[in-house]
Amino acid sequence: MSAGISVGVIAPGDAPPPPLSGEPTPRRVFLAAAARERVDAVARACAALAGAGRVRVVAAFSFKTNPGERLIAMARERGFAAEVISPEELRWARELGFTPADTIYNGPLPVGRDVTDEPLGWIFADSLEAYRRNARSGVARACGARLRPSMLASRFGVAVDEDDALAGAVAEHGAASPFAVSFHARREDFHGATWRDVAGDVLRRAAALQARAGAHVVGFDAGGGWTPDEFDETFAADIGWLVDRLATELPACTTVIVEPGQAVCTPSEALLTRVLEVRRRGERREVIVDAGYPDWPQMHAYVHGFFAWRAGGWTPLGRGADRLGGRTCLEYDVIDGLRFPDDVAEGDALMIVGTGSYDRSMAFDFARGTTADV
């Protein structure tokens, strides 16, 4: 199987040393310069998008994307809020210095006042039932609902045919109570729609909900899903478009929340591994390494960069007929389309970059003789 393969770039000052003899691999390394650059890029973009002081654009760090303490500390220092989807993530955010007011709760797992001593800043319900429960409990200063974009298939959020019922629930909660809406959709589910198509659909429904419920929409969470390249290319224009639309369609909305987890986290970590065996099959080499699918479970989903340690530095691998084989018995634990150095040999150090997002948070202990604690 092949995946997106990039030549790979390492930020100045970020190149880690190769693993020494006896040091364990596979091993993750934190790339501090790359992490800082991405956090700063998001913070600058959000600050530049504030709508003439009327609308603030708040970046929220997605704990599910990478719960690493050093990366989260960088984000908090630059004014990010915390975006969490479970009581465990909520507790971890508190431990790392986020106040309840700086915390946004999303996801289908219900949460109540038993997990927080103060109201959260924002909570977005995944269903009508959750919205009613959140509104009754006072778990957040602003209770909102996640809207399922009408053109996309998804298990998450309030469907368009439930909008009337949601408007009734919001009206019951009280017109003076702050209300907010959110959406989150993967780019791979757009099926020809653009980000603005999806956001515009949610925006129109939010305006209709506001009119029917007699409540003011004060917050709009536009979710995440941007890769680093997509963020750099489209974020400013798309969120700027949204801020302009809000001024006319939801004039009471003063906060836009974005959750660019992948855009921040993906370049922030790398995976060090060693060559265990080189299999030569004519023009092709299959290089077996001690890392594999459990260590980077998004190996076929994201673009990754590959490097070999040569002449005192990390040299990018090219594209070619070679194959990298992981450590497991899984058929898909393999990457095709690489070109290894001609002298690749057992014991060589390799580095895989772009592993700082879900490769980190979704890694699991397969074929290690252990099971995950539940």
Protein backbone atom coordinates (compact mmCIF):
# COMPACT_ATOMS: atom_id res chain seq x y z
CA MET A 1 0.00 0.00 0.00
CA SER A 2 1.14 3.51 -0.70
CA ALA A 3 0.60 6.71 1.20
CA GLY A 4 1.28 10.35 0.65
CA ILE A 5 5.05 10.63 0.59
CA SER A 6 6.80 13.96 0.87
CA VAL A 7 10.45 14.75 0.55
CA GLY A 8 10.16 16.09 4.08
CA VAL A 9 11.44 19.22 5.75
CA ILE A 10 13.03 19.60 9.17
CA ALA A 11 12.94 22.98 10.84
CA PRO A 12 16.36 24.49 11.70
CA GLY A 13 17.41 23.33 15.14
CA ASP A 14 14.90 20.48 15.14
CA ALA A 15 16.93 17.62 13.67
CA PRO A 16 17.27 15.02 16.45
CA PRO A 17 20.37 12.84 16.74
CA PRO A 18 20.07 9.25 15.54
CA PRO A 19 19.34 6.62 18.18
CA LEU A 20 22.55 5.32 19.70
CA SER A 21 23.32 1.66 20.09
CA GLY A 22 21.24 0.28 22.95
CA GLU A 23 18.66 3.10 22.88
CA PRO A 24 15.12 1.80 22.40
CA THR A 25 13.24 2.29 19.18
CA PRO A 26 10.70 3.04 17.93
CA ARG A 27 10.75 6.35 19.80
CA ARG A 28 8.88 9.61 19.38
CA VAL A 29 10.76 12.90 19.44
CA PHE A 30 9.25 16.34 19.98
CA LEU A 31 10.24 18.88 17.30
CA ALA A 32 10.07 22.07 19.32
CA ALA A 33 10.90 24.53 16.53
CA ALA A 34 8.23 23.10 14.23
CA ALA A 35 5.68 23.08 17.05
CA ARG A 36 6.40 26.68 17.94
CA GLU A 37 6.14 27.78 14.30
CA ARG A 38 2.72 26.17 13.88
CA VAL A 39 1.32 27.50 17.16
CA ASP A 40 2.52 31.00 16.29
CA ALA A 41 1.11 30.76 12.75
CA VAL A 42 -2.36 29.89 14.06
CA ALA A 43 -2.26 32.59 16.75
CA ARG A 44 -1.23 35.26 14.23
CA ALA A 45 -3.91 34.21 11.75
CA CYS A 46 -6.65 34.35 14.39
CA ALA A 47 -5.54 37.75 15.65
CA ALA A 48 -5.55 39.13 12.10
CA LEU A 49 -9.10 37.90 11.45
CA ALA A 50 -10.86 39.77 14.27
CA GLY A 51 -13.69 41.68 12.62
CA ALA A 52 -12.99 45.33 13.42
CA GLY A 53 -12.96 44.48 17.11
CA ARG A 54 -16.54 43.15 16.94
CA VAL A 55 -15.74 39.46 16.46
CA ARG A 56 -12.89 37.60 18.12
CA VAL A 57 -11.50 34.44 16.52
CA VAL A 58 -10.46 31.99 19.23
CA ALA A 59 -8.11 29.10 18.51
CA ALA A 60 -8.87 26.04 20.63
CA PHE A 61 -6.28 23.29 21.09
CA SER A 62 -7.76 19.89 20.30
CA PHE A 63 -6.67 17.56 23.10
CA LYS A 64 -7.81 14.49 21.14
CA THR A 65 -5.32 15.28 18.38
CA ASN A 66 -2.25 15.30 20.61
CA PRO A 67 -2.39 15.42 24.42
CA GLY A 68 1.36 16.09 24.80
CA GLU A 69 2.20 18.42 27.67
CA ARG A 70 4.94 20.47 25.92
CA LEU A 71 2.82 21.19 22.87
CA ILE A 72 -0.21 22.11 24.96
CA ALA A 73 1.92 24.45 27.08
CA MET A 74 3.00 26.29 23.92
CA ALA A 75 -0.61 26.65 22.81
CA ARG A 76 -1.79 27.93 26.21
CA GLU A 77 1.02 30.51 26.29
CA ARG A 78 -0.24 31.86 22.95
CA GLY A 79 -3.79 32.23 24.19
CA PHE A 80 -5.41 29.06 22.89
CA ALA A 81 -8.49 27.71 24.64
CA ALA A 82 -8.79 24.00 25.46
CA GLU A 83 -11.12 21.83 23.34
CA VAL A 84 -11.96 18.53 25.04
CA ILE A 85 -14.33 15.63 24.39
CA SER A 86 -14.25 13.64 27.64
CA PRO A 87 -14.10 14.13 31.42
CA GLU A 88 -10.55 12.73 31.35
CA GLU A 89 -9.44 15.36 28.85
CA LEU A 90 -11.23 18.00 30.90
CA ARG A 91 -9.26 17.00 34.00
CA TRP A 92 -6.00 16.98 32.02
CA ALA A 93 -6.73 20.49 30.75
CA ARG A 94 -7.25 21.69 34.32
CA GLU A 95 -3.96 20.09 35.39
CA LEU A 96 -2.18 21.95 32.58
CA GLY A 97 -3.52 25.31 33.66
CA PHE A 98 -6.69 25.91 31.63
CA THR A 99 -9.53 27.45 33.57
CA PRO A 100 -13.11 26.23 33.07
CA ALA A 101 -13.90 29.55 31.35
CA ASP A 102 -11.15 28.78 28.80
CA THR A 103 -12.52 25.31 28.07
CA ILE A 104 -14.81 24.12 25.26
CA TYR A 105 -16.54 20.76 25.60
CA ASN A 106 -17.56 18.83 22.48
CA GLY A 107 -18.43 15.27 21.57
CA PRO A 108 -21.20 12.75 22.20
CA LEU A 109 -20.12 11.79 25.74
CA PRO A 110 -22.41 13.54 28.25
CA VAL A 111 -20.82 15.60 31.02
CA GLY A 112 -22.34 17.24 34.08
CA ARG A 113 -21.47 19.58 36.92
CA ASP A 114 -19.96 16.62 38.77
CA VAL A 115 -16.76 16.98 36.71
CA THR A 116 -16.25 20.73 37.03
CA ASP A 117 -16.59 23.05 40.01
CA GLU A 118 -17.20 26.09 37.79
CA PRO A 119 -19.18 26.50 34.57
CA LEU A 120 -17.22 25.82 31.40
CA GLY A 121 -16.89 28.52 28.79
CA TRP A 122 -18.76 26.65 26.06
CA ILE A 123 -20.44 23.29 25.63
CA PHE A 124 -21.82 21.95 22.34
CA ALA A 125 -24.45 19.24 22.52
CA ASP A 126 -24.37 16.39 20.03
CA SER A 127 -28.11 15.80 20.27
CA LEU A 128 -31.41 17.34 21.35
CA GLU A 129 -31.29 15.26 24.52
CA ALA A 130 -27.81 16.53 25.35
CA TYR A 131 -28.80 20.15 24.71
CA ARG A 132 -31.73 19.94 27.12
CA ARG A 133 -29.56 18.26 29.77
CA ASN A 134 -26.78 20.85 29.40
CA ALA A 135 -29.22 23.74 29.58
CA ARG A 136 -30.78 22.38 32.78
CA SER A 137 -27.47 21.65 34.50
CA GLY A 138 -25.78 25.00 33.92
CA VAL A 139 -22.54 23.16 33.09
CA ALA A 140 -21.39 25.99 30.81
CA ARG A 141 -21.82 29.72 30.45
CA ALA A 142 -22.94 29.24 26.85
CA CYS A 143 -24.83 26.12 25.78
CA GLY A 144 -24.77 25.31 22.10
CA ALA A 145 -25.61 22.56 19.66
CA ARG A 146 -23.59 20.82 17.00
CA LEU A 147 -25.43 20.97 13.67
CA ARG A 148 -24.96 18.13 11.20
CA PRO A 149 -24.33 19.70 7.76
CA SER A 150 -27.34 18.79 5.64
CA MET A 151 -25.30 17.67 2.61
CA LEU A 152 -23.03 15.28 4.55
CA ALA A 153 -23.63 11.83 6.00
CA SER A 154 -22.58 11.71 9.65
CA ARG A 155 -23.53 10.19 12.98
CA PHE A 156 -22.79 13.46 14.79
CA GLY A 157 -24.92 16.47 15.56
CA VAL A 158 -28.50 17.62 15.23
CA ALA A 159 -29.95 16.71 11.83
CA VAL A 160 -31.76 19.27 9.70
CA ASP A 161 -35.13 17.59 10.27
CA GLU A 162 -34.69 18.17 14.02
CA ASP A 163 -34.17 21.93 13.72
CA ASP A 164 -37.75 22.78 14.73
CA ALA A 165 -37.43 20.66 17.87
CA LEU A 166 -34.08 22.28 18.66
CA ALA A 167 -35.57 25.75 18.24
CA GLY A 168 -38.28 24.78 20.71
CA ALA A 169 -35.70 23.54 23.23
CA VAL A 170 -33.69 26.76 22.89
CA ALA A 171 -36.84 28.83 23.39
CA GLU A 172 -37.67 26.85 26.53
CA HIS A 173 -34.19 27.57 27.89
CA GLY A 174 -34.85 31.29 27.55
CA ALA A 175 -34.20 33.94 24.93
CA ALA A 176 -31.70 35.70 27.19
CA SER A 177 -29.52 32.62 27.59
CA PRO A 178 -26.40 32.58 25.37
CA PHE A 179 -26.75 30.10 22.49
CA ALA A 180 -24.07 28.89 20.11
CA VAL A 181 -23.73 26.53 17.15
CA SER A 182 -20.91 24.36 15.89
CA PHE A 183 -20.02 21.99 13.11
CA HIS A 184 -17.06 19.75 12.44
CA ALA A 185 -16.65 17.87 9.17
CA ARG A 186 -13.76 15.95 7.66
CA ARG A 187 -12.58 17.18 4.26
CA GLU A 188 -12.72 13.61 2.94
CA ASP A 189 -16.50 13.60 3.57
CA PHE A 190 -17.23 16.74 1.54
CA HIS A 191 -17.76 14.80 -1.74
CA GLY A 192 -17.43 17.81 -4.02
CA ALA A 193 -18.72 20.44 -1.61
CA THR A 194 -16.41 23.24 -0.53
CA TRP A 195 -15.72 24.33 3.03
CA ARG A 196 -17.80 27.43 2.37
CA ASP A 197 -20.69 25.27 1.13
CA VAL A 198 -20.65 23.37 4.42
CA ALA A 199 -20.16 26.43 6.64
CA GLY A 200 -22.83 28.35 4.72
CA ASP A 201 -25.32 25.54 5.22
CA VAL A 202 -24.77 25.63 8.98
CA LEU A 203 -24.87 29.43 9.02
CA ARG A 204 -28.26 29.56 7.27
CA ARG A 205 -29.70 27.01 9.70
CA ALA A 206 -28.29 28.94 12.66
CA ALA A 207 -29.98 32.14 11.44
CA ALA A 208 -33.29 30.29 11.06
CA LEU A 209 -32.93 28.73 14.51
CA GLN A 210 -32.26 32.14 16.00
CA ALA A 211 -35.39 33.59 14.42
CA ARG A 212 -37.63 30.70 15.47
CA ALA A 213 -36.27 30.42 19.02
CA GLY A 214 -36.10 34.15 19.73
CA ALA A 215 -32.56 33.67 21.08
CA HIS A 216 -29.29 35.24 19.99
CA VAL A 217 -26.49 33.12 18.56
CA VAL A 218 -23.40 34.50 20.28
CA GLY A 219 -20.83 31.90 19.23
CA PHE A 220 -19.99 29.90 16.09
CA ASP A 221 -17.55 26.98 16.30
CA ALA A 222 -16.22 26.17 12.83
CA GLY A 223 -14.36 23.04 13.93
CA GLY A 224 -11.09 21.92 12.41
CA GLY A 225 -9.84 19.48 9.81
CA TRP A 226 -7.16 21.64 8.18
CA THR A 227 -3.85 20.00 7.38
CA PRO A 228 -0.87 22.34 7.76
CA ASP A 229 -0.85 23.06 4.01
CA GLU A 230 -4.62 23.58 3.87
CA PHE A 231 -4.44 25.92 6.83
CA ASP A 232 -1.74 28.05 5.22
CA GLU A 233 -3.55 28.14 1.87
CA THR A 234 -7.22 28.57 2.77
CA PHE A 235 -7.81 29.35 6.46
CA ALA A 236 -7.51 33.14 6.39
CA ALA A 237 -9.74 33.55 3.34
CA ASP A 238 -12.41 31.10 4.49
CA ILE A 239 -12.66 32.30 8.08
CA GLY A 240 -12.56 35.91 6.87
CA TRP A 241 -15.52 35.07 4.63
CA LEU A 242 -17.34 33.57 7.63
CA VAL A 243 -16.68 36.61 9.84
CA ASP A 244 -18.10 38.88 7.12
CA ARG A 245 -21.21 36.71 6.76
CA LEU A 246 -21.79 36.66 10.51
CA ALA A 247 -21.91 40.46 10.61
CA THR A 248 -25.06 40.46 8.49
CA GLU A 249 -26.70 37.09 9.26
CA LEU A 250 -25.87 36.63 12.97
CA PRO A 251 -25.02 40.12 14.22
CA ALA A 252 -25.08 39.08 17.89
CA CYS A 253 -22.30 36.55 17.29
CA THR A 254 -19.10 37.91 18.79
CA THR A 255 -16.97 34.74 18.97
CA VAL A 256 -15.76 32.39 16.25
CA ILE A 257 -14.01 29.27 17.53
CA VAL A 258 -11.64 27.22 15.38
CA GLU A 259 -9.98 23.92 16.25
CA PRO A 260 -6.98 23.51 13.89
CA GLY A 261 -5.57 20.43 15.63
CA GLN A 262 -3.93 18.80 12.63
CA ALA A 263 -2.55 22.12 11.39
CA VAL A 264 -0.76 22.60 14.71
CA CYS A 265 0.16 19.08 15.74
CA THR A 266 1.14 17.16 12.59
CA PRO A 267 4.68 18.60 12.18
CA SER A 268 5.38 18.67 15.93
CA GLU A 269 6.68 15.10 16.34
CA ALA A 270 8.74 12.54 14.49
CA LEU A 271 9.19 8.80 14.89
CA LEU A 272 12.68 7.28 15.09
CA THR A 273 13.06 3.67 13.98
CA ARG A 274 15.78 1.18 13.00
CA VAL A 275 16.22 -1.11 10.04
CA LEU A 276 15.95 -4.76 11.12
CA GLU A 277 16.28 -6.50 7.78
CA VAL A 278 16.82 -5.68 4.10
CA ARG A 279 15.19 -7.98 1.56
CA ARG A 280 16.49 -7.58 -1.97
CA ARG A 281 14.12 -8.63 -4.74
CA GLY A 282 15.64 -7.63 -8.06
CA GLU A 283 15.31 -3.88 -8.45
CA ARG A 284 13.27 -3.60 -5.31
CA ARG A 285 14.33 -3.54 -1.65
CA GLU A 286 11.90 -4.26 1.16
CA VAL A 287 13.21 -2.70 4.35
CA ILE A 288 11.74 -4.09 7.59
CA VAL A 289 11.81 -1.67 10.54
CA ASP A 290 10.90 -1.87 14.24
CA ALA A 291 8.08 0.71 13.93
CA GLY A 292 4.76 -0.06 12.36
CA TYR A 293 1.06 0.61 12.06
CA PRO A 294 0.42 0.65 15.84
CA ASP A 295 3.07 3.35 16.25
CA TRP A 296 1.75 5.54 13.42
CA PRO A 297 -1.83 4.43 12.72
CA GLN A 298 -2.38 7.21 10.16
CA MET A 299 0.44 5.91 7.97
CA HIS A 300 -1.90 5.73 4.97
CA ALA A 301 -4.01 8.77 5.77
CA TYR A 302 -1.52 11.63 5.93
CA VAL A 303 1.51 12.77 3.99
CA HIS A 304 4.65 11.75 5.88
CA GLY A 305 8.28 12.54 5.22
CA PHE A 306 11.00 9.86 5.42
CA PHE A 307 14.70 10.35 6.24
CA ALA A 308 17.78 8.18 6.62
CA TRP A 309 20.82 9.12 8.73
CA ARG A 310 23.76 9.63 6.37
CA ALA A 311 27.04 11.55 6.62
CA GLY A 312 26.16 13.12 9.97
CA GLY A 313 22.70 14.34 8.98
CA TRP A 314 19.19 13.35 8.00
CA THR A 315 18.85 12.79 4.25
CA PRO A 316 15.36 12.70 2.69
CA LEU A 317 14.39 9.47 1.00
CA GLY A 318 13.33 9.71 -2.61
CA ARG A 319 10.48 8.10 -4.48
CA GLY A 320 11.02 4.79 -6.17
CA ALA A 321 10.28 1.08 -6.21
CA ASP A 322 11.29 0.25 -2.64
CA ARG A 323 9.00 -0.71 0.21
CA LEU A 324 9.04 -0.10 3.96
CA GLY A 325 7.59 -2.95 6.00
CA GLY A 326 6.39 -2.49 9.57
CA ARG A 327 6.88 -4.75 12.57
CA THR A 328 3.48 -6.46 12.62
CA CYS A 329 1.71 -9.23 10.72
CA LEU A 330 -0.91 -6.81 9.36
CA GLU A 331 -1.09 -6.82 5.55
CA TYR A 332 -1.43 -3.03 5.44
CA ASP A 333 1.58 -2.37 7.68
CA VAL A 334 3.63 -1.34 4.66
CA ILE A 335 4.51 1.75 2.62
CA ASP A 336 5.29 1.46 -1.09
CA GLY A 337 6.94 3.99 -3.36
CA LEU A 338 10.13 4.86 -1.46
CA ARG A 339 13.75 4.97 -2.61
CA PHE A 340 16.24 3.97 0.09
CA PRO A 341 19.97 4.73 -0.09
CA ASP A 342 21.87 2.20 -2.18
CA ASP A 343 23.79 1.05 0.88
CA VAL A 344 20.80 0.71 3.24
CA ALA A 345 21.64 -1.93 5.84
CA GLU A 346 20.52 -3.52 9.07
CA GLY A 347 20.91 -1.11 12.00
CA ASP A 348 20.43 2.07 9.96
CA ALA A 349 18.45 4.84 11.65
CA LEU A 350 15.35 6.19 9.89
CA MET A 351 13.07 9.06 10.81
CA ILE A 352 9.41 9.51 9.87
CA VAL A 353 8.07 13.06 10.19
CA GLY A 354 4.48 14.32 10.24
CA THR A 355 3.50 11.94 13.07
CA GLY A 356 2.38 14.54 15.64
CA SER A 357 -1.40 14.35 15.16
CA TYR A 358 -3.53 11.23 15.45
CA ASP A 359 -0.44 9.08 14.89
CA ARG A 360 0.35 10.15 18.45
CA SER A 361 -3.03 10.07 20.14
CA MET A 362 -4.34 6.91 18.43
CA ALA A 363 -1.20 4.75 18.75
CA PHE A 364 -1.87 1.41 20.43
CA ASP A 365 -0.10 -1.61 21.92
CA PHE A 366 -0.51 -4.29 19.28
CA ALA A 367 1.91 -7.24 19.27
CA ARG A 368 3.64 -6.02 22.42
CA GLY A 369 2.13 -8.58 24.77
CA THR A 370 -0.07 -6.02 26.52
CA THR A 371 -3.59 -4.67 26.21
CA ALA A 372 -4.90 -1.18 26.75
CA ASP A 373 -6.40 -0.39 30.13
CA VAL A 374 -10.09 0.52 30.08
